[in-house]
Amino acid sequence: MQPPSQIAGINLGNWGKYPEGYDRAVHGRYNPAKYYGKPDVPFGEVKLCEIPSWIGRRNIGLTSFGQMIGRAYWRWQQAYVLPKYSGIAPFFQVAVGCMMVFYVINYPRLKVHKNYKYH
């Protein structure tokens, strides 16, 4: 029998598990939008001479980037989508976000149009 962290020989690591810093007795109900790691000084309160050490304390990698994106997604969900009377704001946010992404994707084709003369 394979360990529960492996399915079909693929190592899933921490997939489907709580984050390392989470303790139910201390934090209560799990909130996917909250960072349960050791708190650090916010970037706005860092002095210029402390910036290199502050950056050195960051956990840089694909896993931490994915966790950051997941927390941001759940913060957005809890603020705009999941409330009982959420309104139409999340639909407009997604629409505007899609417009911006597709504008950036198509910009190389759009920028040549400004050089055309139609007379």
PDB file of N, CA and C in Angstrom:
ATOM      1  N   MET A   1       0.839  -1.189   0.000  1.00  0.00           N
ATOM      2  CA  MET A   1       0.000   0.000   0.000  1.00  0.00           C
ATOM      3  C   MET A   1       0.879   1.246   0.000  1.00  0.00           C
ATOM      4  N   GLN A   2       0.537   2.209  -0.839  1.00  0.00           N
ATOM      5  CA  GLN A   2       1.307   3.444  -0.927  1.00  0.00           C
ATOM      6  C   GLN A   2       0.904   4.401   0.189  1.00  0.00           C
ATOM      7  N   PRO A   3       1.854   5.239   0.622  1.00  0.00           N
ATOM      8  CA  PRO A   3       1.482   6.243   1.624  1.00  0.00           C
ATOM      9  C   PRO A   3       0.430   7.196   1.069  1.00  0.00           C
ATOM     10  N   PRO A   4      -0.382   7.817   1.959  1.00  0.00           N
ATOM     11  CA  PRO A   4      -1.442   8.701   1.462  1.00  0.00           C
ATOM     12  C   PRO A   4      -0.941   9.908   0.694  1.00  0.00           C
ATOM     13  N   SER A   5       0.341  10.249   0.841  1.00  0.00           N
ATOM     14  CA  SER A   5       0.856  11.401   0.100  1.00  0.00           C
ATOM     15  C   SER A   5       1.266  11.030  -1.319  1.00  0.00           C
ATOM     16  N   GLN A   6       1.057   9.760  -1.705  1.00  0.00           N
ATOM     17  CA  GLN A   6       1.388   9.336  -3.062  1.00  0.00           C
ATOM     18  C   GLN A   6       0.181   8.662  -3.696  1.00  0.00           C
ATOM     19  N   ILE A   7      -0.100   9.024  -4.919  1.00  0.00           N
ATOM     20  CA  ILE A   7      -1.154   8.383  -5.688  1.00  0.00           C
ATOM     21  C   ILE A   7      -0.546   8.011  -7.027  1.00  0.00           C
ATOM     22  N   ALA A   8      -0.624   6.741  -7.373  1.00  0.00           N
ATOM     23  CA  ALA A   8      -0.065   6.224  -8.625  1.00  0.00           C
ATOM     24  C   ALA A   8       1.413   6.567  -8.753  1.00  0.00           C
ATOM     25  N   GLY A   9       2.139   6.548  -7.638  1.00  0.00           N
ATOM     26  CA  GLY A   9       3.571   6.801  -7.656  1.00  0.00           C
ATOM     27  C   GLY A   9       3.951   8.265  -7.746  1.00  0.00           C
ATOM     28  N   ILE A  10       2.980   9.167  -7.748  1.00  0.00           N
ATOM     29  CA  ILE A  10       3.256  10.599  -7.832  1.00  0.00           C
ATOM     30  C   ILE A  10       3.270  11.166  -6.422  1.00  0.00           C
ATOM     31  N   ASN A  11       4.364  11.819  -6.061  1.00  0.00           N
ATOM     32  CA  ASN A  11       4.477  12.416  -4.742  1.00  0.00           C
ATOM     33  C   ASN A  11       3.672  13.711  -4.710  1.00  0.00           C
ATOM     34  N   LEU A  12       2.667  13.762  -3.856  1.00  0.00           N
ATOM     35  CA  LEU A  12       1.803  14.937  -3.770  1.00  0.00           C
ATOM     36  C   LEU A  12       2.269  15.935  -2.724  1.00  0.00           C
ATOM     37  N   GLY A  13       3.257  15.560  -1.919  1.00  0.00           N
ATOM     38  CA  GLY A  13       3.791  16.480  -0.922  1.00  0.00           C
ATOM     39  C   GLY A  13       2.741  16.920   0.070  1.00  0.00           C
ATOM     40  N   ASN A  14       2.474  18.216   0.133  1.00  0.00           N
ATOM     41  CA  ASN A  14       1.512  18.767   1.080  1.00  0.00           C
ATOM     42  C   ASN A  14       0.132  18.991   0.470  1.00  0.00           C
ATOM     43  N   TRP A  15      -0.126  18.439  -0.685  1.00  0.00           N
ATOM     44  CA  TRP A  15      -1.401  18.643  -1.348  1.00  0.00           C
ATOM     45  C   TRP A  15      -2.529  18.077  -0.480  1.00  0.00           C
ATOM     46  N   GLY A  16      -3.508  18.910  -0.160  1.00  0.00           N
ATOM     47  CA  GLY A  16      -4.643  18.474   0.629  1.00  0.00           C
ATOM     48  C   GLY A  16      -4.405  18.493   2.127  1.00  0.00           C
ATOM     49  N   LYS A  17      -3.294  19.042   2.567  1.00  0.00           N
ATOM     50  CA  LYS A  17      -2.982  19.111   3.990  1.00  0.00           C
ATOM     51  C   LYS A  17      -3.036  20.563   4.446  1.00  0.00           C
ATOM     52  N   TYR A  18      -3.153  20.748   5.769  1.00  0.00           N
ATOM     53  CA  TYR A  18      -3.115  22.092   6.321  1.00  0.00           C
ATOM     54  C   TYR A  18      -1.698  22.642   6.231  1.00  0.00           C
ATOM     55  N   PRO A  19      -1.534  23.964   6.209  1.00  0.00           N
ATOM     56  CA  PRO A  19      -0.188  24.543   6.191  1.00  0.00           C
ATOM     57  C   PRO A  19       0.569  24.209   7.469  1.00  0.00           C
ATOM     58  N   GLU A  20       1.888  24.325   7.416  1.00  0.00           N
ATOM     59  CA  GLU A  20       2.728  23.940   8.544  1.00  0.00           C
ATOM     60  C   GLU A  20       2.416  24.719   9.815  1.00  0.00           C
ATOM     61  N   GLY A  21       2.178  26.001   9.733  1.00  0.00           N
ATOM     62  CA  GLY A  21       1.984  26.821  10.919  1.00  0.00           C
ATOM     63  C   GLY A  21       0.594  26.742  11.531  1.00  0.00           C
ATOM     64  N   TYR A  22      -0.323  26.015  10.898  1.00  0.00           N
ATOM     65  CA  TYR A  22      -1.698  25.976  11.380  1.00  0.00           C
ATOM     66  C   TYR A  22      -1.834  25.016  12.552  1.00  0.00           C
ATOM     67  N   ASP A  23      -2.471  25.491  13.637  1.00  0.00           N
ATOM     68  CA  ASP A  23      -2.787  24.667  14.802  1.00  0.00           C
ATOM     69  C   ASP A  23      -4.231  24.963  15.177  1.00  0.00           C
ATOM     70  N   ARG A  24      -5.073  23.943  15.107  1.00  0.00           N
ATOM     71  CA  ARG A  24      -6.504  24.144  15.339  1.00  0.00           C
ATOM     72  C   ARG A  24      -6.786  24.694  16.737  1.00  0.00           C
ATOM     73  N   ALA A  25      -6.019  24.269  17.728  1.00  0.00           N
ATOM     74  CA  ALA A  25      -6.248  24.733  19.096  1.00  0.00           C
ATOM     75  C   ALA A  25      -5.918  26.216  19.246  1.00  0.00           C
ATOM     76  N   VAL A  26      -4.964  26.704  18.473  1.00  0.00           N
ATOM     77  CA  VAL A  26      -4.541  28.103  18.576  1.00  0.00           C
ATOM     78  C   VAL A  26      -5.346  28.999  17.635  1.00  0.00           C
ATOM     79  N   HIS A  27      -5.513  28.580  16.376  1.00  0.00           N
ATOM     80  CA  HIS A  27      -6.092  29.432  15.344  1.00  0.00           C
ATOM     81  C   HIS A  27      -7.594  29.261  15.159  1.00  0.00           C
ATOM     82  N   GLY A  28      -8.165  28.194  15.683  1.00  0.00           N
ATOM     83  CA  GLY A  28      -9.595  27.965  15.478  1.00  0.00           C
ATOM     84  C   GLY A  28      -9.866  27.395  14.103  1.00  0.00           C
ATOM     85  N   ARG A  29     -11.021  27.740  13.542  1.00  0.00           N
ATOM     86  CA  ARG A  29     -11.421  27.209  12.249  1.00  0.00           C
ATOM     87  C   ARG A  29     -10.445  27.646  11.165  1.00  0.00           C
ATOM     88  N   TYR A  30     -10.130  26.739  10.244  1.00  0.00           N
ATOM     89  CA  TYR A  30      -9.164  27.021   9.182  1.00  0.00           C
ATOM     90  C   TYR A  30      -9.739  28.020   8.187  1.00  0.00           C
ATOM     91  N   ASN A  31      -8.939  29.003   7.822  1.00  0.00           N
ATOM     92  CA  ASN A  31      -9.306  30.007   6.833  1.00  0.00           C
ATOM     93  C   ASN A  31      -8.259  29.959   5.727  1.00  0.00           C
ATOM     94  N   PRO A  32      -8.627  29.532   4.504  1.00  0.00           N
ATOM     95  CA  PRO A  32      -7.632  29.418   3.438  1.00  0.00           C
ATOM     96  C   PRO A  32      -7.057  30.756   2.986  1.00  0.00           C
ATOM     97  N   ALA A  33      -7.662  31.871   3.377  1.00  0.00           N
ATOM     98  CA  ALA A  33      -7.173  33.186   2.966  1.00  0.00           C
ATOM     99  C   ALA A  33      -6.160  33.762   3.940  1.00  0.00           C
ATOM    100  N   LYS A  34      -5.861  33.056   5.017  1.00  0.00           N
ATOM    101  CA  LYS A  34      -4.963  33.581   6.044  1.00  0.00           C
ATOM    102  C   LYS A  34      -3.610  32.886   5.964  1.00  0.00           C
ATOM    103  N   TYR A  35      -2.546  33.662   6.181  1.00  0.00           N
ATOM    104  CA  TYR A  35      -1.190  33.117   6.224  1.00  0.00           C
ATOM    105  C   TYR A  35      -0.904  32.688   7.657  1.00  0.00           C
ATOM    106  N   TYR A  36      -0.601  31.405   7.862  1.00  0.00           N
ATOM    107  CA  TYR A  36      -0.390  30.870   9.203  1.00  0.00           C
ATOM    108  C   TYR A  36       1.083  30.754   9.567  1.00  0.00           C
ATOM    109  N   GLY A  37       1.962  31.262   8.739  1.00  0.00           N
ATOM    110  CA  GLY A  37       3.388  31.230   9.046  1.00  0.00           C
ATOM    111  C   GLY A  37       3.759  32.275  10.080  1.00  0.00           C
ATOM    112  N   LYS A  38       5.054  32.349  10.350  1.00  0.00           N
ATOM    113  CA  LYS A  38       5.553  33.311  11.325  1.00  0.00           C
ATOM    114  C   LYS A  38       5.361  34.726  10.775  1.00  0.00           C
ATOM    115  N   PRO A  39       4.702  35.624  11.534  1.00  0.00           N
ATOM    116  CA  PRO A  39       4.498  36.989  11.031  1.00  0.00           C
ATOM    117  C   PRO A  39       5.817  37.749  10.934  1.00  0.00           C
ATOM    118  N   ASP A  40       5.910  38.603   9.936  1.00  0.00           N
ATOM    119  CA  ASP A  40       7.112  39.394   9.715  1.00  0.00           C
ATOM    120  C   ASP A  40       6.713  40.864   9.603  1.00  0.00           C
ATOM    121  N   VAL A  41       7.703  41.715   9.561  1.00  0.00           N
ATOM    122  CA  VAL A  41       7.471  43.155   9.449  1.00  0.00           C
ATOM    123  C   VAL A  41       6.870  43.443   8.070  1.00  0.00           C
ATOM    124  N   PRO A  42       5.757  44.189   7.991  1.00  0.00           N
ATOM    125  CA  PRO A  42       5.208  44.551   6.687  1.00  0.00           C
ATOM    126  C   PRO A  42       6.205  45.388   5.885  1.00  0.00           C
ATOM    127  N   PHE A  43       6.142  45.270   4.561  1.00  0.00           N
ATOM    128  CA  PHE A  43       7.101  45.959   3.703  1.00  0.00           C
ATOM    129  C   PHE A  43       7.051  47.468   3.897  1.00  0.00           C
ATOM    130  N   GLY A  44       5.894  48.017   4.187  1.00  0.00           N
ATOM    131  CA  GLY A  44       5.765  49.457   4.386  1.00  0.00           C
ATOM    132  C   GLY A  44       6.491  49.968   5.621  1.00  0.00           C
ATOM    133  N   GLU A  45       6.793  49.080   6.563  1.00  0.00           N
ATOM    134  CA  GLU A  45       7.479  49.475   7.791  1.00  0.00           C
ATOM    135  C   GLU A  45       8.970  49.138   7.779  1.00  0.00           C
ATOM    136  N   VAL A  46       9.477  48.606   6.664  1.00  0.00           N
ATOM    137  CA  VAL A  46      10.887  48.235   6.562  1.00  0.00           C
ATOM    138  C   VAL A  46      11.712  49.473   6.234  1.00  0.00           C
ATOM    139  N   LYS A  47      12.815  49.652   6.946  1.00  0.00           N
ATOM    140  CA  LYS A  47      13.720  50.770   6.668  1.00  0.00           C
ATOM    141  C   LYS A  47      14.610  50.394   5.485  1.00  0.00           C
ATOM    142  N   LEU A  48      15.153  51.392   4.811  1.00  0.00           N
ATOM    143  CA  LEU A  48      15.956  51.142   3.612  1.00  0.00           C
ATOM    144  C   LEU A  48      17.141  50.235   3.892  1.00  0.00           C
ATOM    145  N   CYS A  49      17.792  50.388   5.032  1.00  0.00           N
ATOM    146  CA  CYS A  49      18.959  49.558   5.328  1.00  0.00           C
ATOM    147  C   CYS A  49      18.564  48.118   5.652  1.00  0.00           C
ATOM    148  N   GLU A  50      17.292  47.852   5.955  1.00  0.00           N
ATOM    149  CA  GLU A  50      16.836  46.507   6.301  1.00  0.00           C
ATOM    150  C   GLU A  50      16.248  45.748   5.112  1.00  0.00           C
ATOM    151  N   ILE A  51      16.146  46.383   3.954  1.00  0.00           N
ATOM    152  CA  ILE A  51      15.502  45.744   2.801  1.00  0.00           C
ATOM    153  C   ILE A  51      16.218  44.464   2.366  1.00  0.00           C
ATOM    154  N   PRO A  52      17.566  44.428   2.258  1.00  0.00           N
ATOM    155  CA  PRO A  52      18.196  43.164   1.848  1.00  0.00           C
ATOM    156  C   PRO A  52      17.911  42.007   2.811  1.00  0.00           C
ATOM    157  N   SER A  53      17.939  42.259   4.106  1.00  0.00           N
ATOM    158  CA  SER A  53      17.652  41.177   5.050  1.00  0.00           C
ATOM    159  C   SER A  53      16.176  40.788   4.996  1.00  0.00           C
ATOM    160  N   TRP A  54      15.286  41.754   4.746  1.00  0.00           N
ATOM    161  CA  TRP A  54      13.863  41.450   4.635  1.00  0.00           C
ATOM    162  C   TRP A  54      13.605  40.567   3.414  1.00  0.00           C
ATOM    163  N   ILE A  55      14.254  40.889   2.290  1.00  0.00           N
ATOM    164  CA  ILE A  55      14.109  40.067   1.081  1.00  0.00           C
ATOM    165  C   ILE A  55      14.710  38.685   1.306  1.00  0.00           C
ATOM    166  N   GLY A  56      15.815  38.616   2.050  1.00  0.00           N
ATOM    167  CA  GLY A  56      16.440  37.330   2.345  1.00  0.00           C
ATOM    168  C   GLY A  56      15.560  36.415   3.179  1.00  0.00           C
ATOM    169  N   ARG A  57      14.662  36.971   3.963  1.00  0.00           N
ATOM    170  CA  ARG A  57      13.755  36.154   4.776  1.00  0.00           C
ATOM    171  C   ARG A  57      12.573  35.633   3.981  1.00  0.00           C
ATOM    172  N   ARG A  58      12.366  36.118   2.772  1.00  0.00           N
ATOM    173  CA  ARG A  58      11.249  35.656   1.955  1.00  0.00           C
ATOM    174  C   ARG A  58      11.527  34.248   1.452  1.00  0.00           C
ATOM    175  N   ASN A  59      10.490  33.455   1.387  1.00  0.00           N
ATOM    176  CA  ASN A  59      10.585  32.106   0.842  1.00  0.00           C
ATOM    177  C   ASN A  59      10.240  32.200  -0.641  1.00  0.00           C
ATOM    178  N   ILE A  60      11.256  32.171  -1.486  1.00  0.00           N
ATOM    179  CA  ILE A  60      11.062  32.360  -2.915  1.00  0.00           C
ATOM    180  C   ILE A  60      11.050  30.996  -3.590  1.00  0.00           C
ATOM    181  N   GLY A  61      10.001  30.712  -4.320  1.00  0.00           N
ATOM    182  CA  GLY A  61       9.882  29.447  -5.028  1.00  0.00           C
ATOM    183  C   GLY A  61       8.487  29.294  -5.604  1.00  0.00           C
ATOM    184  N   LEU A  62       8.299  28.246  -6.394  1.00  0.00           N
ATOM    185  CA  LEU A  62       7.008  28.026  -7.029  1.00  0.00           C
ATOM    186  C   LEU A  62       5.938  27.646  -6.013  1.00  0.00           C
ATOM    187  N   THR A  63       6.319  26.871  -5.001  1.00  0.00           N
ATOM    188  CA  THR A  63       5.340  26.459  -3.995  1.00  0.00           C
ATOM    189  C   THR A  63       4.817  27.659  -3.228  1.00  0.00           C
ATOM    190  N   SER A  64       5.716  28.511  -2.759  1.00  0.00           N
ATOM    191  CA  SER A  64       5.275  29.684  -2.001  1.00  0.00           C
ATOM    192  C   SER A  64       4.503  30.657  -2.894  1.00  0.00           C
ATOM    193  N   PHE A  65       4.879  30.754  -4.173  1.00  0.00           N
ATOM    194  CA  PHE A  65       4.134  31.606  -5.099  1.00  0.00           C
ATOM    195  C   PHE A  65       2.720  31.064  -5.297  1.00  0.00           C
ATOM    196  N   GLY A  66       2.596  29.757  -5.454  1.00  0.00           N
ATOM    197  CA  GLY A  66       1.275  29.144  -5.593  1.00  0.00           C
ATOM    198  C   GLY A  66       0.420  29.338  -4.357  1.00  0.00           C
ATOM    199  N   GLN A  67       1.033  29.226  -3.173  1.00  0.00           N
ATOM    200  CA  GLN A  67       0.300  29.455  -1.932  1.00  0.00           C
ATOM    201  C   GLN A  67      -0.166  30.904  -1.837  1.00  0.00           C
ATOM    202  N   MET A  68       0.674  31.833  -2.274  1.00  0.00           N
ATOM    203  CA  MET A  68       0.308  33.247  -2.249  1.00  0.00           C
ATOM    204  C   MET A  68      -0.887  33.509  -3.176  1.00  0.00           C
ATOM    205  N   ILE A  69      -0.860  32.921  -4.369  1.00  0.00           N
ATOM    206  CA  ILE A  69      -1.961  33.088  -5.313  1.00  0.00           C
ATOM    207  C   ILE A  69      -3.238  32.478  -4.742  1.00  0.00           C
ATOM    208  N   GLY A  70      -3.124  31.323  -4.102  1.00  0.00           N
ATOM    209  CA  GLY A  70      -4.288  30.684  -3.496  1.00  0.00           C
ATOM    210  C   GLY A  70      -4.899  31.518  -2.383  1.00  0.00           C
ATOM    211  N   ARG A  71      -4.048  32.108  -1.536  1.00  0.00           N
ATOM    212  CA  ARG A  71      -4.563  32.970  -0.466  1.00  0.00           C
ATOM    213  C   ARG A  71      -5.239  34.208  -1.038  1.00  0.00           C
ATOM    214  N   ALA A  72      -4.652  34.789  -2.083  1.00  0.00           N
ATOM    215  CA  ALA A  72      -5.260  35.969  -2.710  1.00  0.00           C
ATOM    216  C   ALA A  72      -6.614  35.608  -3.326  1.00  0.00           C
ATOM    217  N   TYR A  73      -6.686  34.439  -3.953  1.00  0.00           N
ATOM    218  CA  TYR A  73      -7.949  33.987  -4.542  1.00  0.00           C
ATOM    219  C   TYR A  73      -9.022  33.846  -3.471  1.00  0.00           C
ATOM    220  N   TRP A  74      -8.682  33.230  -2.346  1.00  0.00           N
ATOM    221  CA  TRP A  74      -9.686  33.027  -1.296  1.00  0.00           C
ATOM    222  C   TRP A  74     -10.056  34.329  -0.609  1.00  0.00           C
ATOM    223  N   ARG A  75      -9.115  35.284  -0.493  1.00  0.00           N
ATOM    224  CA  ARG A  75      -9.468  36.603   0.049  1.00  0.00           C
ATOM    225  C   ARG A  75     -10.480  37.286  -0.862  1.00  0.00           C
ATOM    226  N   TRP A  76     -10.258  37.183  -2.174  1.00  0.00           N
ATOM    227  CA  TRP A  76     -11.186  37.775  -3.135  1.00  0.00           C
ATOM    228  C   TRP A  76     -12.543  37.079  -3.050  1.00  0.00           C
ATOM    229  N   GLN A  77     -12.542  35.754  -2.974  1.00  0.00           N
ATOM    230  CA  GLN A  77     -13.795  35.003  -2.856  1.00  0.00           C
ATOM    231  C   GLN A  77     -14.579  35.432  -1.623  1.00  0.00           C
ATOM    232  N   GLN A  78     -13.891  35.517  -0.486  1.00  0.00           N
ATOM    233  CA  GLN A  78     -14.573  35.856   0.765  1.00  0.00           C
ATOM    234  C   GLN A  78     -15.060  37.300   0.779  1.00  0.00           C
ATOM    235  N   ALA A  79     -14.388  38.171   0.061  1.00  0.00           N
ATOM    236  CA  ALA A  79     -14.782  39.580   0.062  1.00  0.00           C
ATOM    237  C   ALA A  79     -15.882  39.882  -0.952  1.00  0.00           C
ATOM    238  N   TYR A  80     -15.864  39.239  -2.122  1.00  0.00           N
ATOM    239  CA  TYR A  80     -16.755  39.640  -3.204  1.00  0.00           C
ATOM    240  C   TYR A  80     -17.741  38.577  -3.666  1.00  0.00           C
ATOM    241  N   VAL A  81     -17.403  37.303  -3.590  1.00  0.00           N
ATOM    242  CA  VAL A  81     -18.241  36.265  -4.185  1.00  0.00           C
ATOM    243  C   VAL A  81     -19.105  35.553  -3.152  1.00  0.00           C
ATOM    244  N   LEU A  82     -18.540  35.187  -2.018  1.00  0.00           N
ATOM    245  CA  LEU A  82     -19.238  34.343  -1.055  1.00  0.00           C
ATOM    246  C   LEU A  82     -20.246  35.048  -0.147  1.00  0.00           C
ATOM    247  N   PRO A  83     -20.193  36.368   0.058  1.00  0.00           N
ATOM    248  CA  PRO A  83     -21.224  36.986   0.899  1.00  0.00           C
ATOM    249  C   PRO A  83     -22.624  36.766   0.330  1.00  0.00           C
ATOM    250  N   LYS A  84     -23.598  36.759   1.231  1.00  0.00           N
ATOM    251  CA  LYS A  84     -24.972  36.463   0.829  1.00  0.00           C
ATOM    252  C   LYS A  84     -25.481  37.457  -0.214  1.00  0.00           C
ATOM    253  N   TYR A  85     -25.217  38.731  -0.016  1.00  0.00           N
ATOM    254  CA  TYR A  85     -25.648  39.769  -0.958  1.00  0.00           C
ATOM    255  C   TYR A  85     -24.411  40.368  -1.628  1.00  0.00           C
ATOM    256  N   SER A  86     -23.749  39.566  -2.426  1.00  0.00           N
ATOM    257  CA  SER A  86     -22.470  39.995  -2.999  1.00  0.00           C
ATOM    258  C   SER A  86     -22.629  41.016  -4.119  1.00  0.00           C
ATOM    259  N   GLY A  87     -23.709  40.969  -4.842  1.00  0.00           N
ATOM    260  CA  GLY A  87     -23.923  41.941  -5.910  1.00  0.00           C
ATOM    261  C   GLY A  87     -23.245  41.530  -7.205  1.00  0.00           C
ATOM    262  N   ILE A  88     -23.057  42.513  -8.068  1.00  0.00           N
ATOM    263  CA  ILE A  88     -22.555  42.259  -9.413  1.00  0.00           C
ATOM    264  C   ILE A  88     -21.064  42.568  -9.544  1.00  0.00           C
ATOM    265  N   ALA A  89     -20.449  43.072  -8.478  1.00  0.00           N
ATOM    266  CA  ALA A  89     -19.040  43.486  -8.530  1.00  0.00           C
ATOM    267  C   ALA A  89     -18.095  42.382  -8.997  1.00  0.00           C
ATOM    268  N   PRO A  90     -18.198  41.124  -8.512  1.00  0.00           N
ATOM    269  CA  PRO A  90     -17.226  40.124  -8.974  1.00  0.00           C
ATOM    270  C   PRO A  90     -17.314  39.851 -10.472  1.00  0.00           C
ATOM    271  N   PHE A  91     -18.502  39.940 -11.047  1.00  0.00           N
ATOM    272  CA  PHE A  91     -18.637  39.704 -12.485  1.00  0.00           C
ATOM    273  C   PHE A  91     -17.938  40.802 -13.285  1.00  0.00           C
ATOM    274  N   PHE A  92     -18.094  42.052 -12.838  1.00  0.00           N
ATOM    275  CA  PHE A  92     -17.404  43.150 -13.507  1.00  0.00           C
ATOM    276  C   PHE A  92     -15.892  43.051 -13.309  1.00  0.00           C
ATOM    277  N   GLN A  93     -15.448  42.630 -12.136  1.00  0.00           N
ATOM    278  CA  GLN A  93     -14.013  42.483 -11.888  1.00  0.00           C
ATOM    279  C   GLN A  93     -13.411  41.426 -12.808  1.00  0.00           C
ATOM    280  N   VAL A  94     -14.103  40.301 -12.964  1.00  0.00           N
ATOM    281  CA  VAL A  94     -13.610  39.254 -13.864  1.00  0.00           C
ATOM    282  C   VAL A  94     -13.625  39.748 -15.306  1.00  0.00           C
ATOM    283  N   ALA A  95     -14.673  40.441 -15.702  1.00  0.00           N
ATOM    284  CA  ALA A  95     -14.759  40.945 -17.079  1.00  0.00           C
ATOM    285  C   ALA A  95     -13.643  41.937 -17.374  1.00  0.00           C
ATOM    286  N   VAL A  96     -13.409  42.888 -16.473  1.00  0.00           N
ATOM    287  CA  VAL A  96     -12.346  43.878 -16.679  1.00  0.00           C
ATOM    288  C   VAL A  96     -10.984  43.198 -16.658  1.00  0.00           C
ATOM    289  N   GLY A  97     -10.790  42.227 -15.770  1.00  0.00           N
ATOM    290  CA  GLY A  97      -9.529  41.483 -15.732  1.00  0.00           C
ATOM    291  C   GLY A  97      -9.273  40.748 -17.039  1.00  0.00           C
ATOM    292  N   CYS A  98     -10.314  40.113 -17.587  1.00  0.00           N
ATOM    293  CA  CYS A  98     -10.166  39.425 -18.877  1.00  0.00           C
ATOM    294  C   CYS A  98      -9.851  40.411 -19.995  1.00  0.00           C
ATOM    295  N   MET A  99     -10.494  41.575 -19.975  1.00  0.00           N
ATOM    296  CA  MET A  99     -10.207  42.587 -20.995  1.00  0.00           C
ATOM    297  C   MET A  99      -8.749  43.019 -20.941  1.00  0.00           C
ATOM    298  N   MET A 100      -8.247  43.234 -19.733  1.00  0.00           N
ATOM    299  CA  MET A 100      -6.850  43.666 -19.592  1.00  0.00           C
ATOM    300  C   MET A 100      -5.886  42.576 -20.051  1.00  0.00           C
ATOM    301  N   VAL A 101      -6.156  41.321 -19.684  1.00  0.00           N
ATOM    302  CA  VAL A 101      -5.276  40.222 -20.090  1.00  0.00           C
ATOM    303  C   VAL A 101      -5.264  40.086 -21.605  1.00  0.00           C
ATOM    304  N   PHE A 102      -6.428  40.119 -22.242  1.00  0.00           N
ATOM    305  CA  PHE A 102      -6.470  39.956 -23.691  1.00  0.00           C
ATOM    306  C   PHE A 102      -5.902  41.169 -24.416  1.00  0.00           C
ATOM    307  N   TYR A 103      -5.983  42.354 -23.822  1.00  0.00           N
ATOM    308  CA  TYR A 103      -5.338  43.518 -24.421  1.00  0.00           C
ATOM    309  C   TYR A 103      -3.824  43.345 -24.408  1.00  0.00           C
ATOM    310  N   VAL A 104      -3.289  42.872 -23.284  1.00  0.00           N
ATOM    311  CA  VAL A 104      -1.839  42.649 -23.193  1.00  0.00           C
ATOM    312  C   VAL A 104      -1.407  41.562 -24.168  1.00  0.00           C
ATOM    313  N   ILE A 105      -2.201  40.502 -24.276  1.00  0.00           N
ATOM    314  CA  ILE A 105      -1.863  39.413 -25.200  1.00  0.00           C
ATOM    315  C   ILE A 105      -1.865  39.911 -26.645  1.00  0.00           C
ATOM    316  N   ASN A 106      -2.834  40.735 -27.008  1.00  0.00           N
ATOM    317  CA  ASN A 106      -2.979  41.191 -28.393  1.00  0.00           C
ATOM    318  C   ASN A 106      -2.258  42.491 -28.693  1.00  0.00           C
ATOM    319  N   TYR A 107      -1.558  43.066 -27.734  1.00  0.00           N
ATOM    320  CA  TYR A 107      -0.901  44.357 -27.945  1.00  0.00           C
ATOM    321  C   TYR A 107       0.079  44.350 -29.118  1.00  0.00           C
ATOM    322  N   PRO A 108       0.896  43.305 -29.310  1.00  0.00           N
ATOM    323  CA  PRO A 108       1.802  43.339 -30.473  1.00  0.00           C
ATOM    324  C   PRO A 108       1.065  43.506 -31.801  1.00  0.00           C
ATOM    325  N   ARG A 109      -0.136  42.955 -31.940  1.00  0.00           N
ATOM    326  CA  ARG A 109      -0.904  43.125 -33.166  1.00  0.00           C
ATOM    327  C   ARG A 109      -1.613  44.472 -33.214  1.00  0.00           C
ATOM    328  N   LEU A 110      -1.947  45.012 -32.045  1.00  0.00           N
ATOM    329  CA  LEU A 110      -2.663  46.291 -32.018  1.00  0.00           C
ATOM    330  C   LEU A 110      -1.739  47.481 -32.233  1.00  0.00           C
ATOM    331  N   LYS A 111      -0.485  47.373 -31.807  1.00  0.00           N
ATOM    332  CA  LYS A 111       0.399  48.535 -31.886  1.00  0.00           C
ATOM    333  C   LYS A 111       0.773  48.887 -33.317  1.00  0.00           C
ATOM    334  N   VAL A 112       0.705  47.941 -34.256  1.00  0.00           N
ATOM    335  CA  VAL A 112       1.031  48.272 -35.645  1.00  0.00           C
ATOM    336  C   VAL A 112      -0.085  49.074 -36.302  1.00  0.00           C
ATOM    337  N   HIS A 113      -1.294  49.024 -35.761  1.00  0.00           N
ATOM    338  CA  HIS A 113      -2.405  49.769 -36.351  1.00  0.00           C
ATOM    339  C   HIS A 113      -2.233  51.274 -36.215  1.00  0.00           C
ATOM    340  N   LYS A 114      -1.494  51.724 -35.221  1.00  0.00           N
ATOM    341  CA  LYS A 114      -1.331  53.169 -35.050  1.00  0.00           C
ATOM    342  C   LYS A 114      -0.458  53.763 -36.151  1.00  0.00           C
ATOM    343  N   ASN A 115       0.286  52.939 -36.877  1.00  0.00           N
ATOM    344  CA  ASN A 115       1.164  53.429 -37.935  1.00  0.00           C
ATOM    345  C   ASN A 115       0.470  53.497 -39.297  1.00  0.00           C
ATOM    346  N   TYR A 116      -0.738  52.952 -39.413  1.00  0.00           N
ATOM    347  CA  TYR A 116      -1.452  52.990 -40.681  1.00  0.00           C
ATOM    348  C   TYR A 116      -2.015  54.380 -40.936  1.00  0.00           C
ATOM    349  N   LYS A 117      -2.018  54.768 -42.219  1.00  0.00           N
ATOM    350  CA  LYS A 117      -2.634  56.024 -42.625  1.00  0.00           C
ATOM    351  C   LYS A 117      -3.857  55.668 -43.460  1.00  0.00           C
ATOM    352  N   TYR A 118      -4.985  56.207 -43.054  1.00  0.00           N
ATOM    353  CA  TYR A 118      -6.239  55.865 -43.722  1.00  0.00           C
ATOM    354  C   TYR A 118      -6.712  57.001 -44.627  1.00  0.00           C
ATOM    355  N   HIS A 119      -5.814  57.678 -45.316  1.00  0.00           N
ATOM    356  CA  HIS A 119      -6.225  58.730 -46.241  1.00  0.00           C
ATOM    357  C   HIS A 119      -5.423  58.642 -47.522  1.00  0.00           C
TER     358      HIS A 119
END
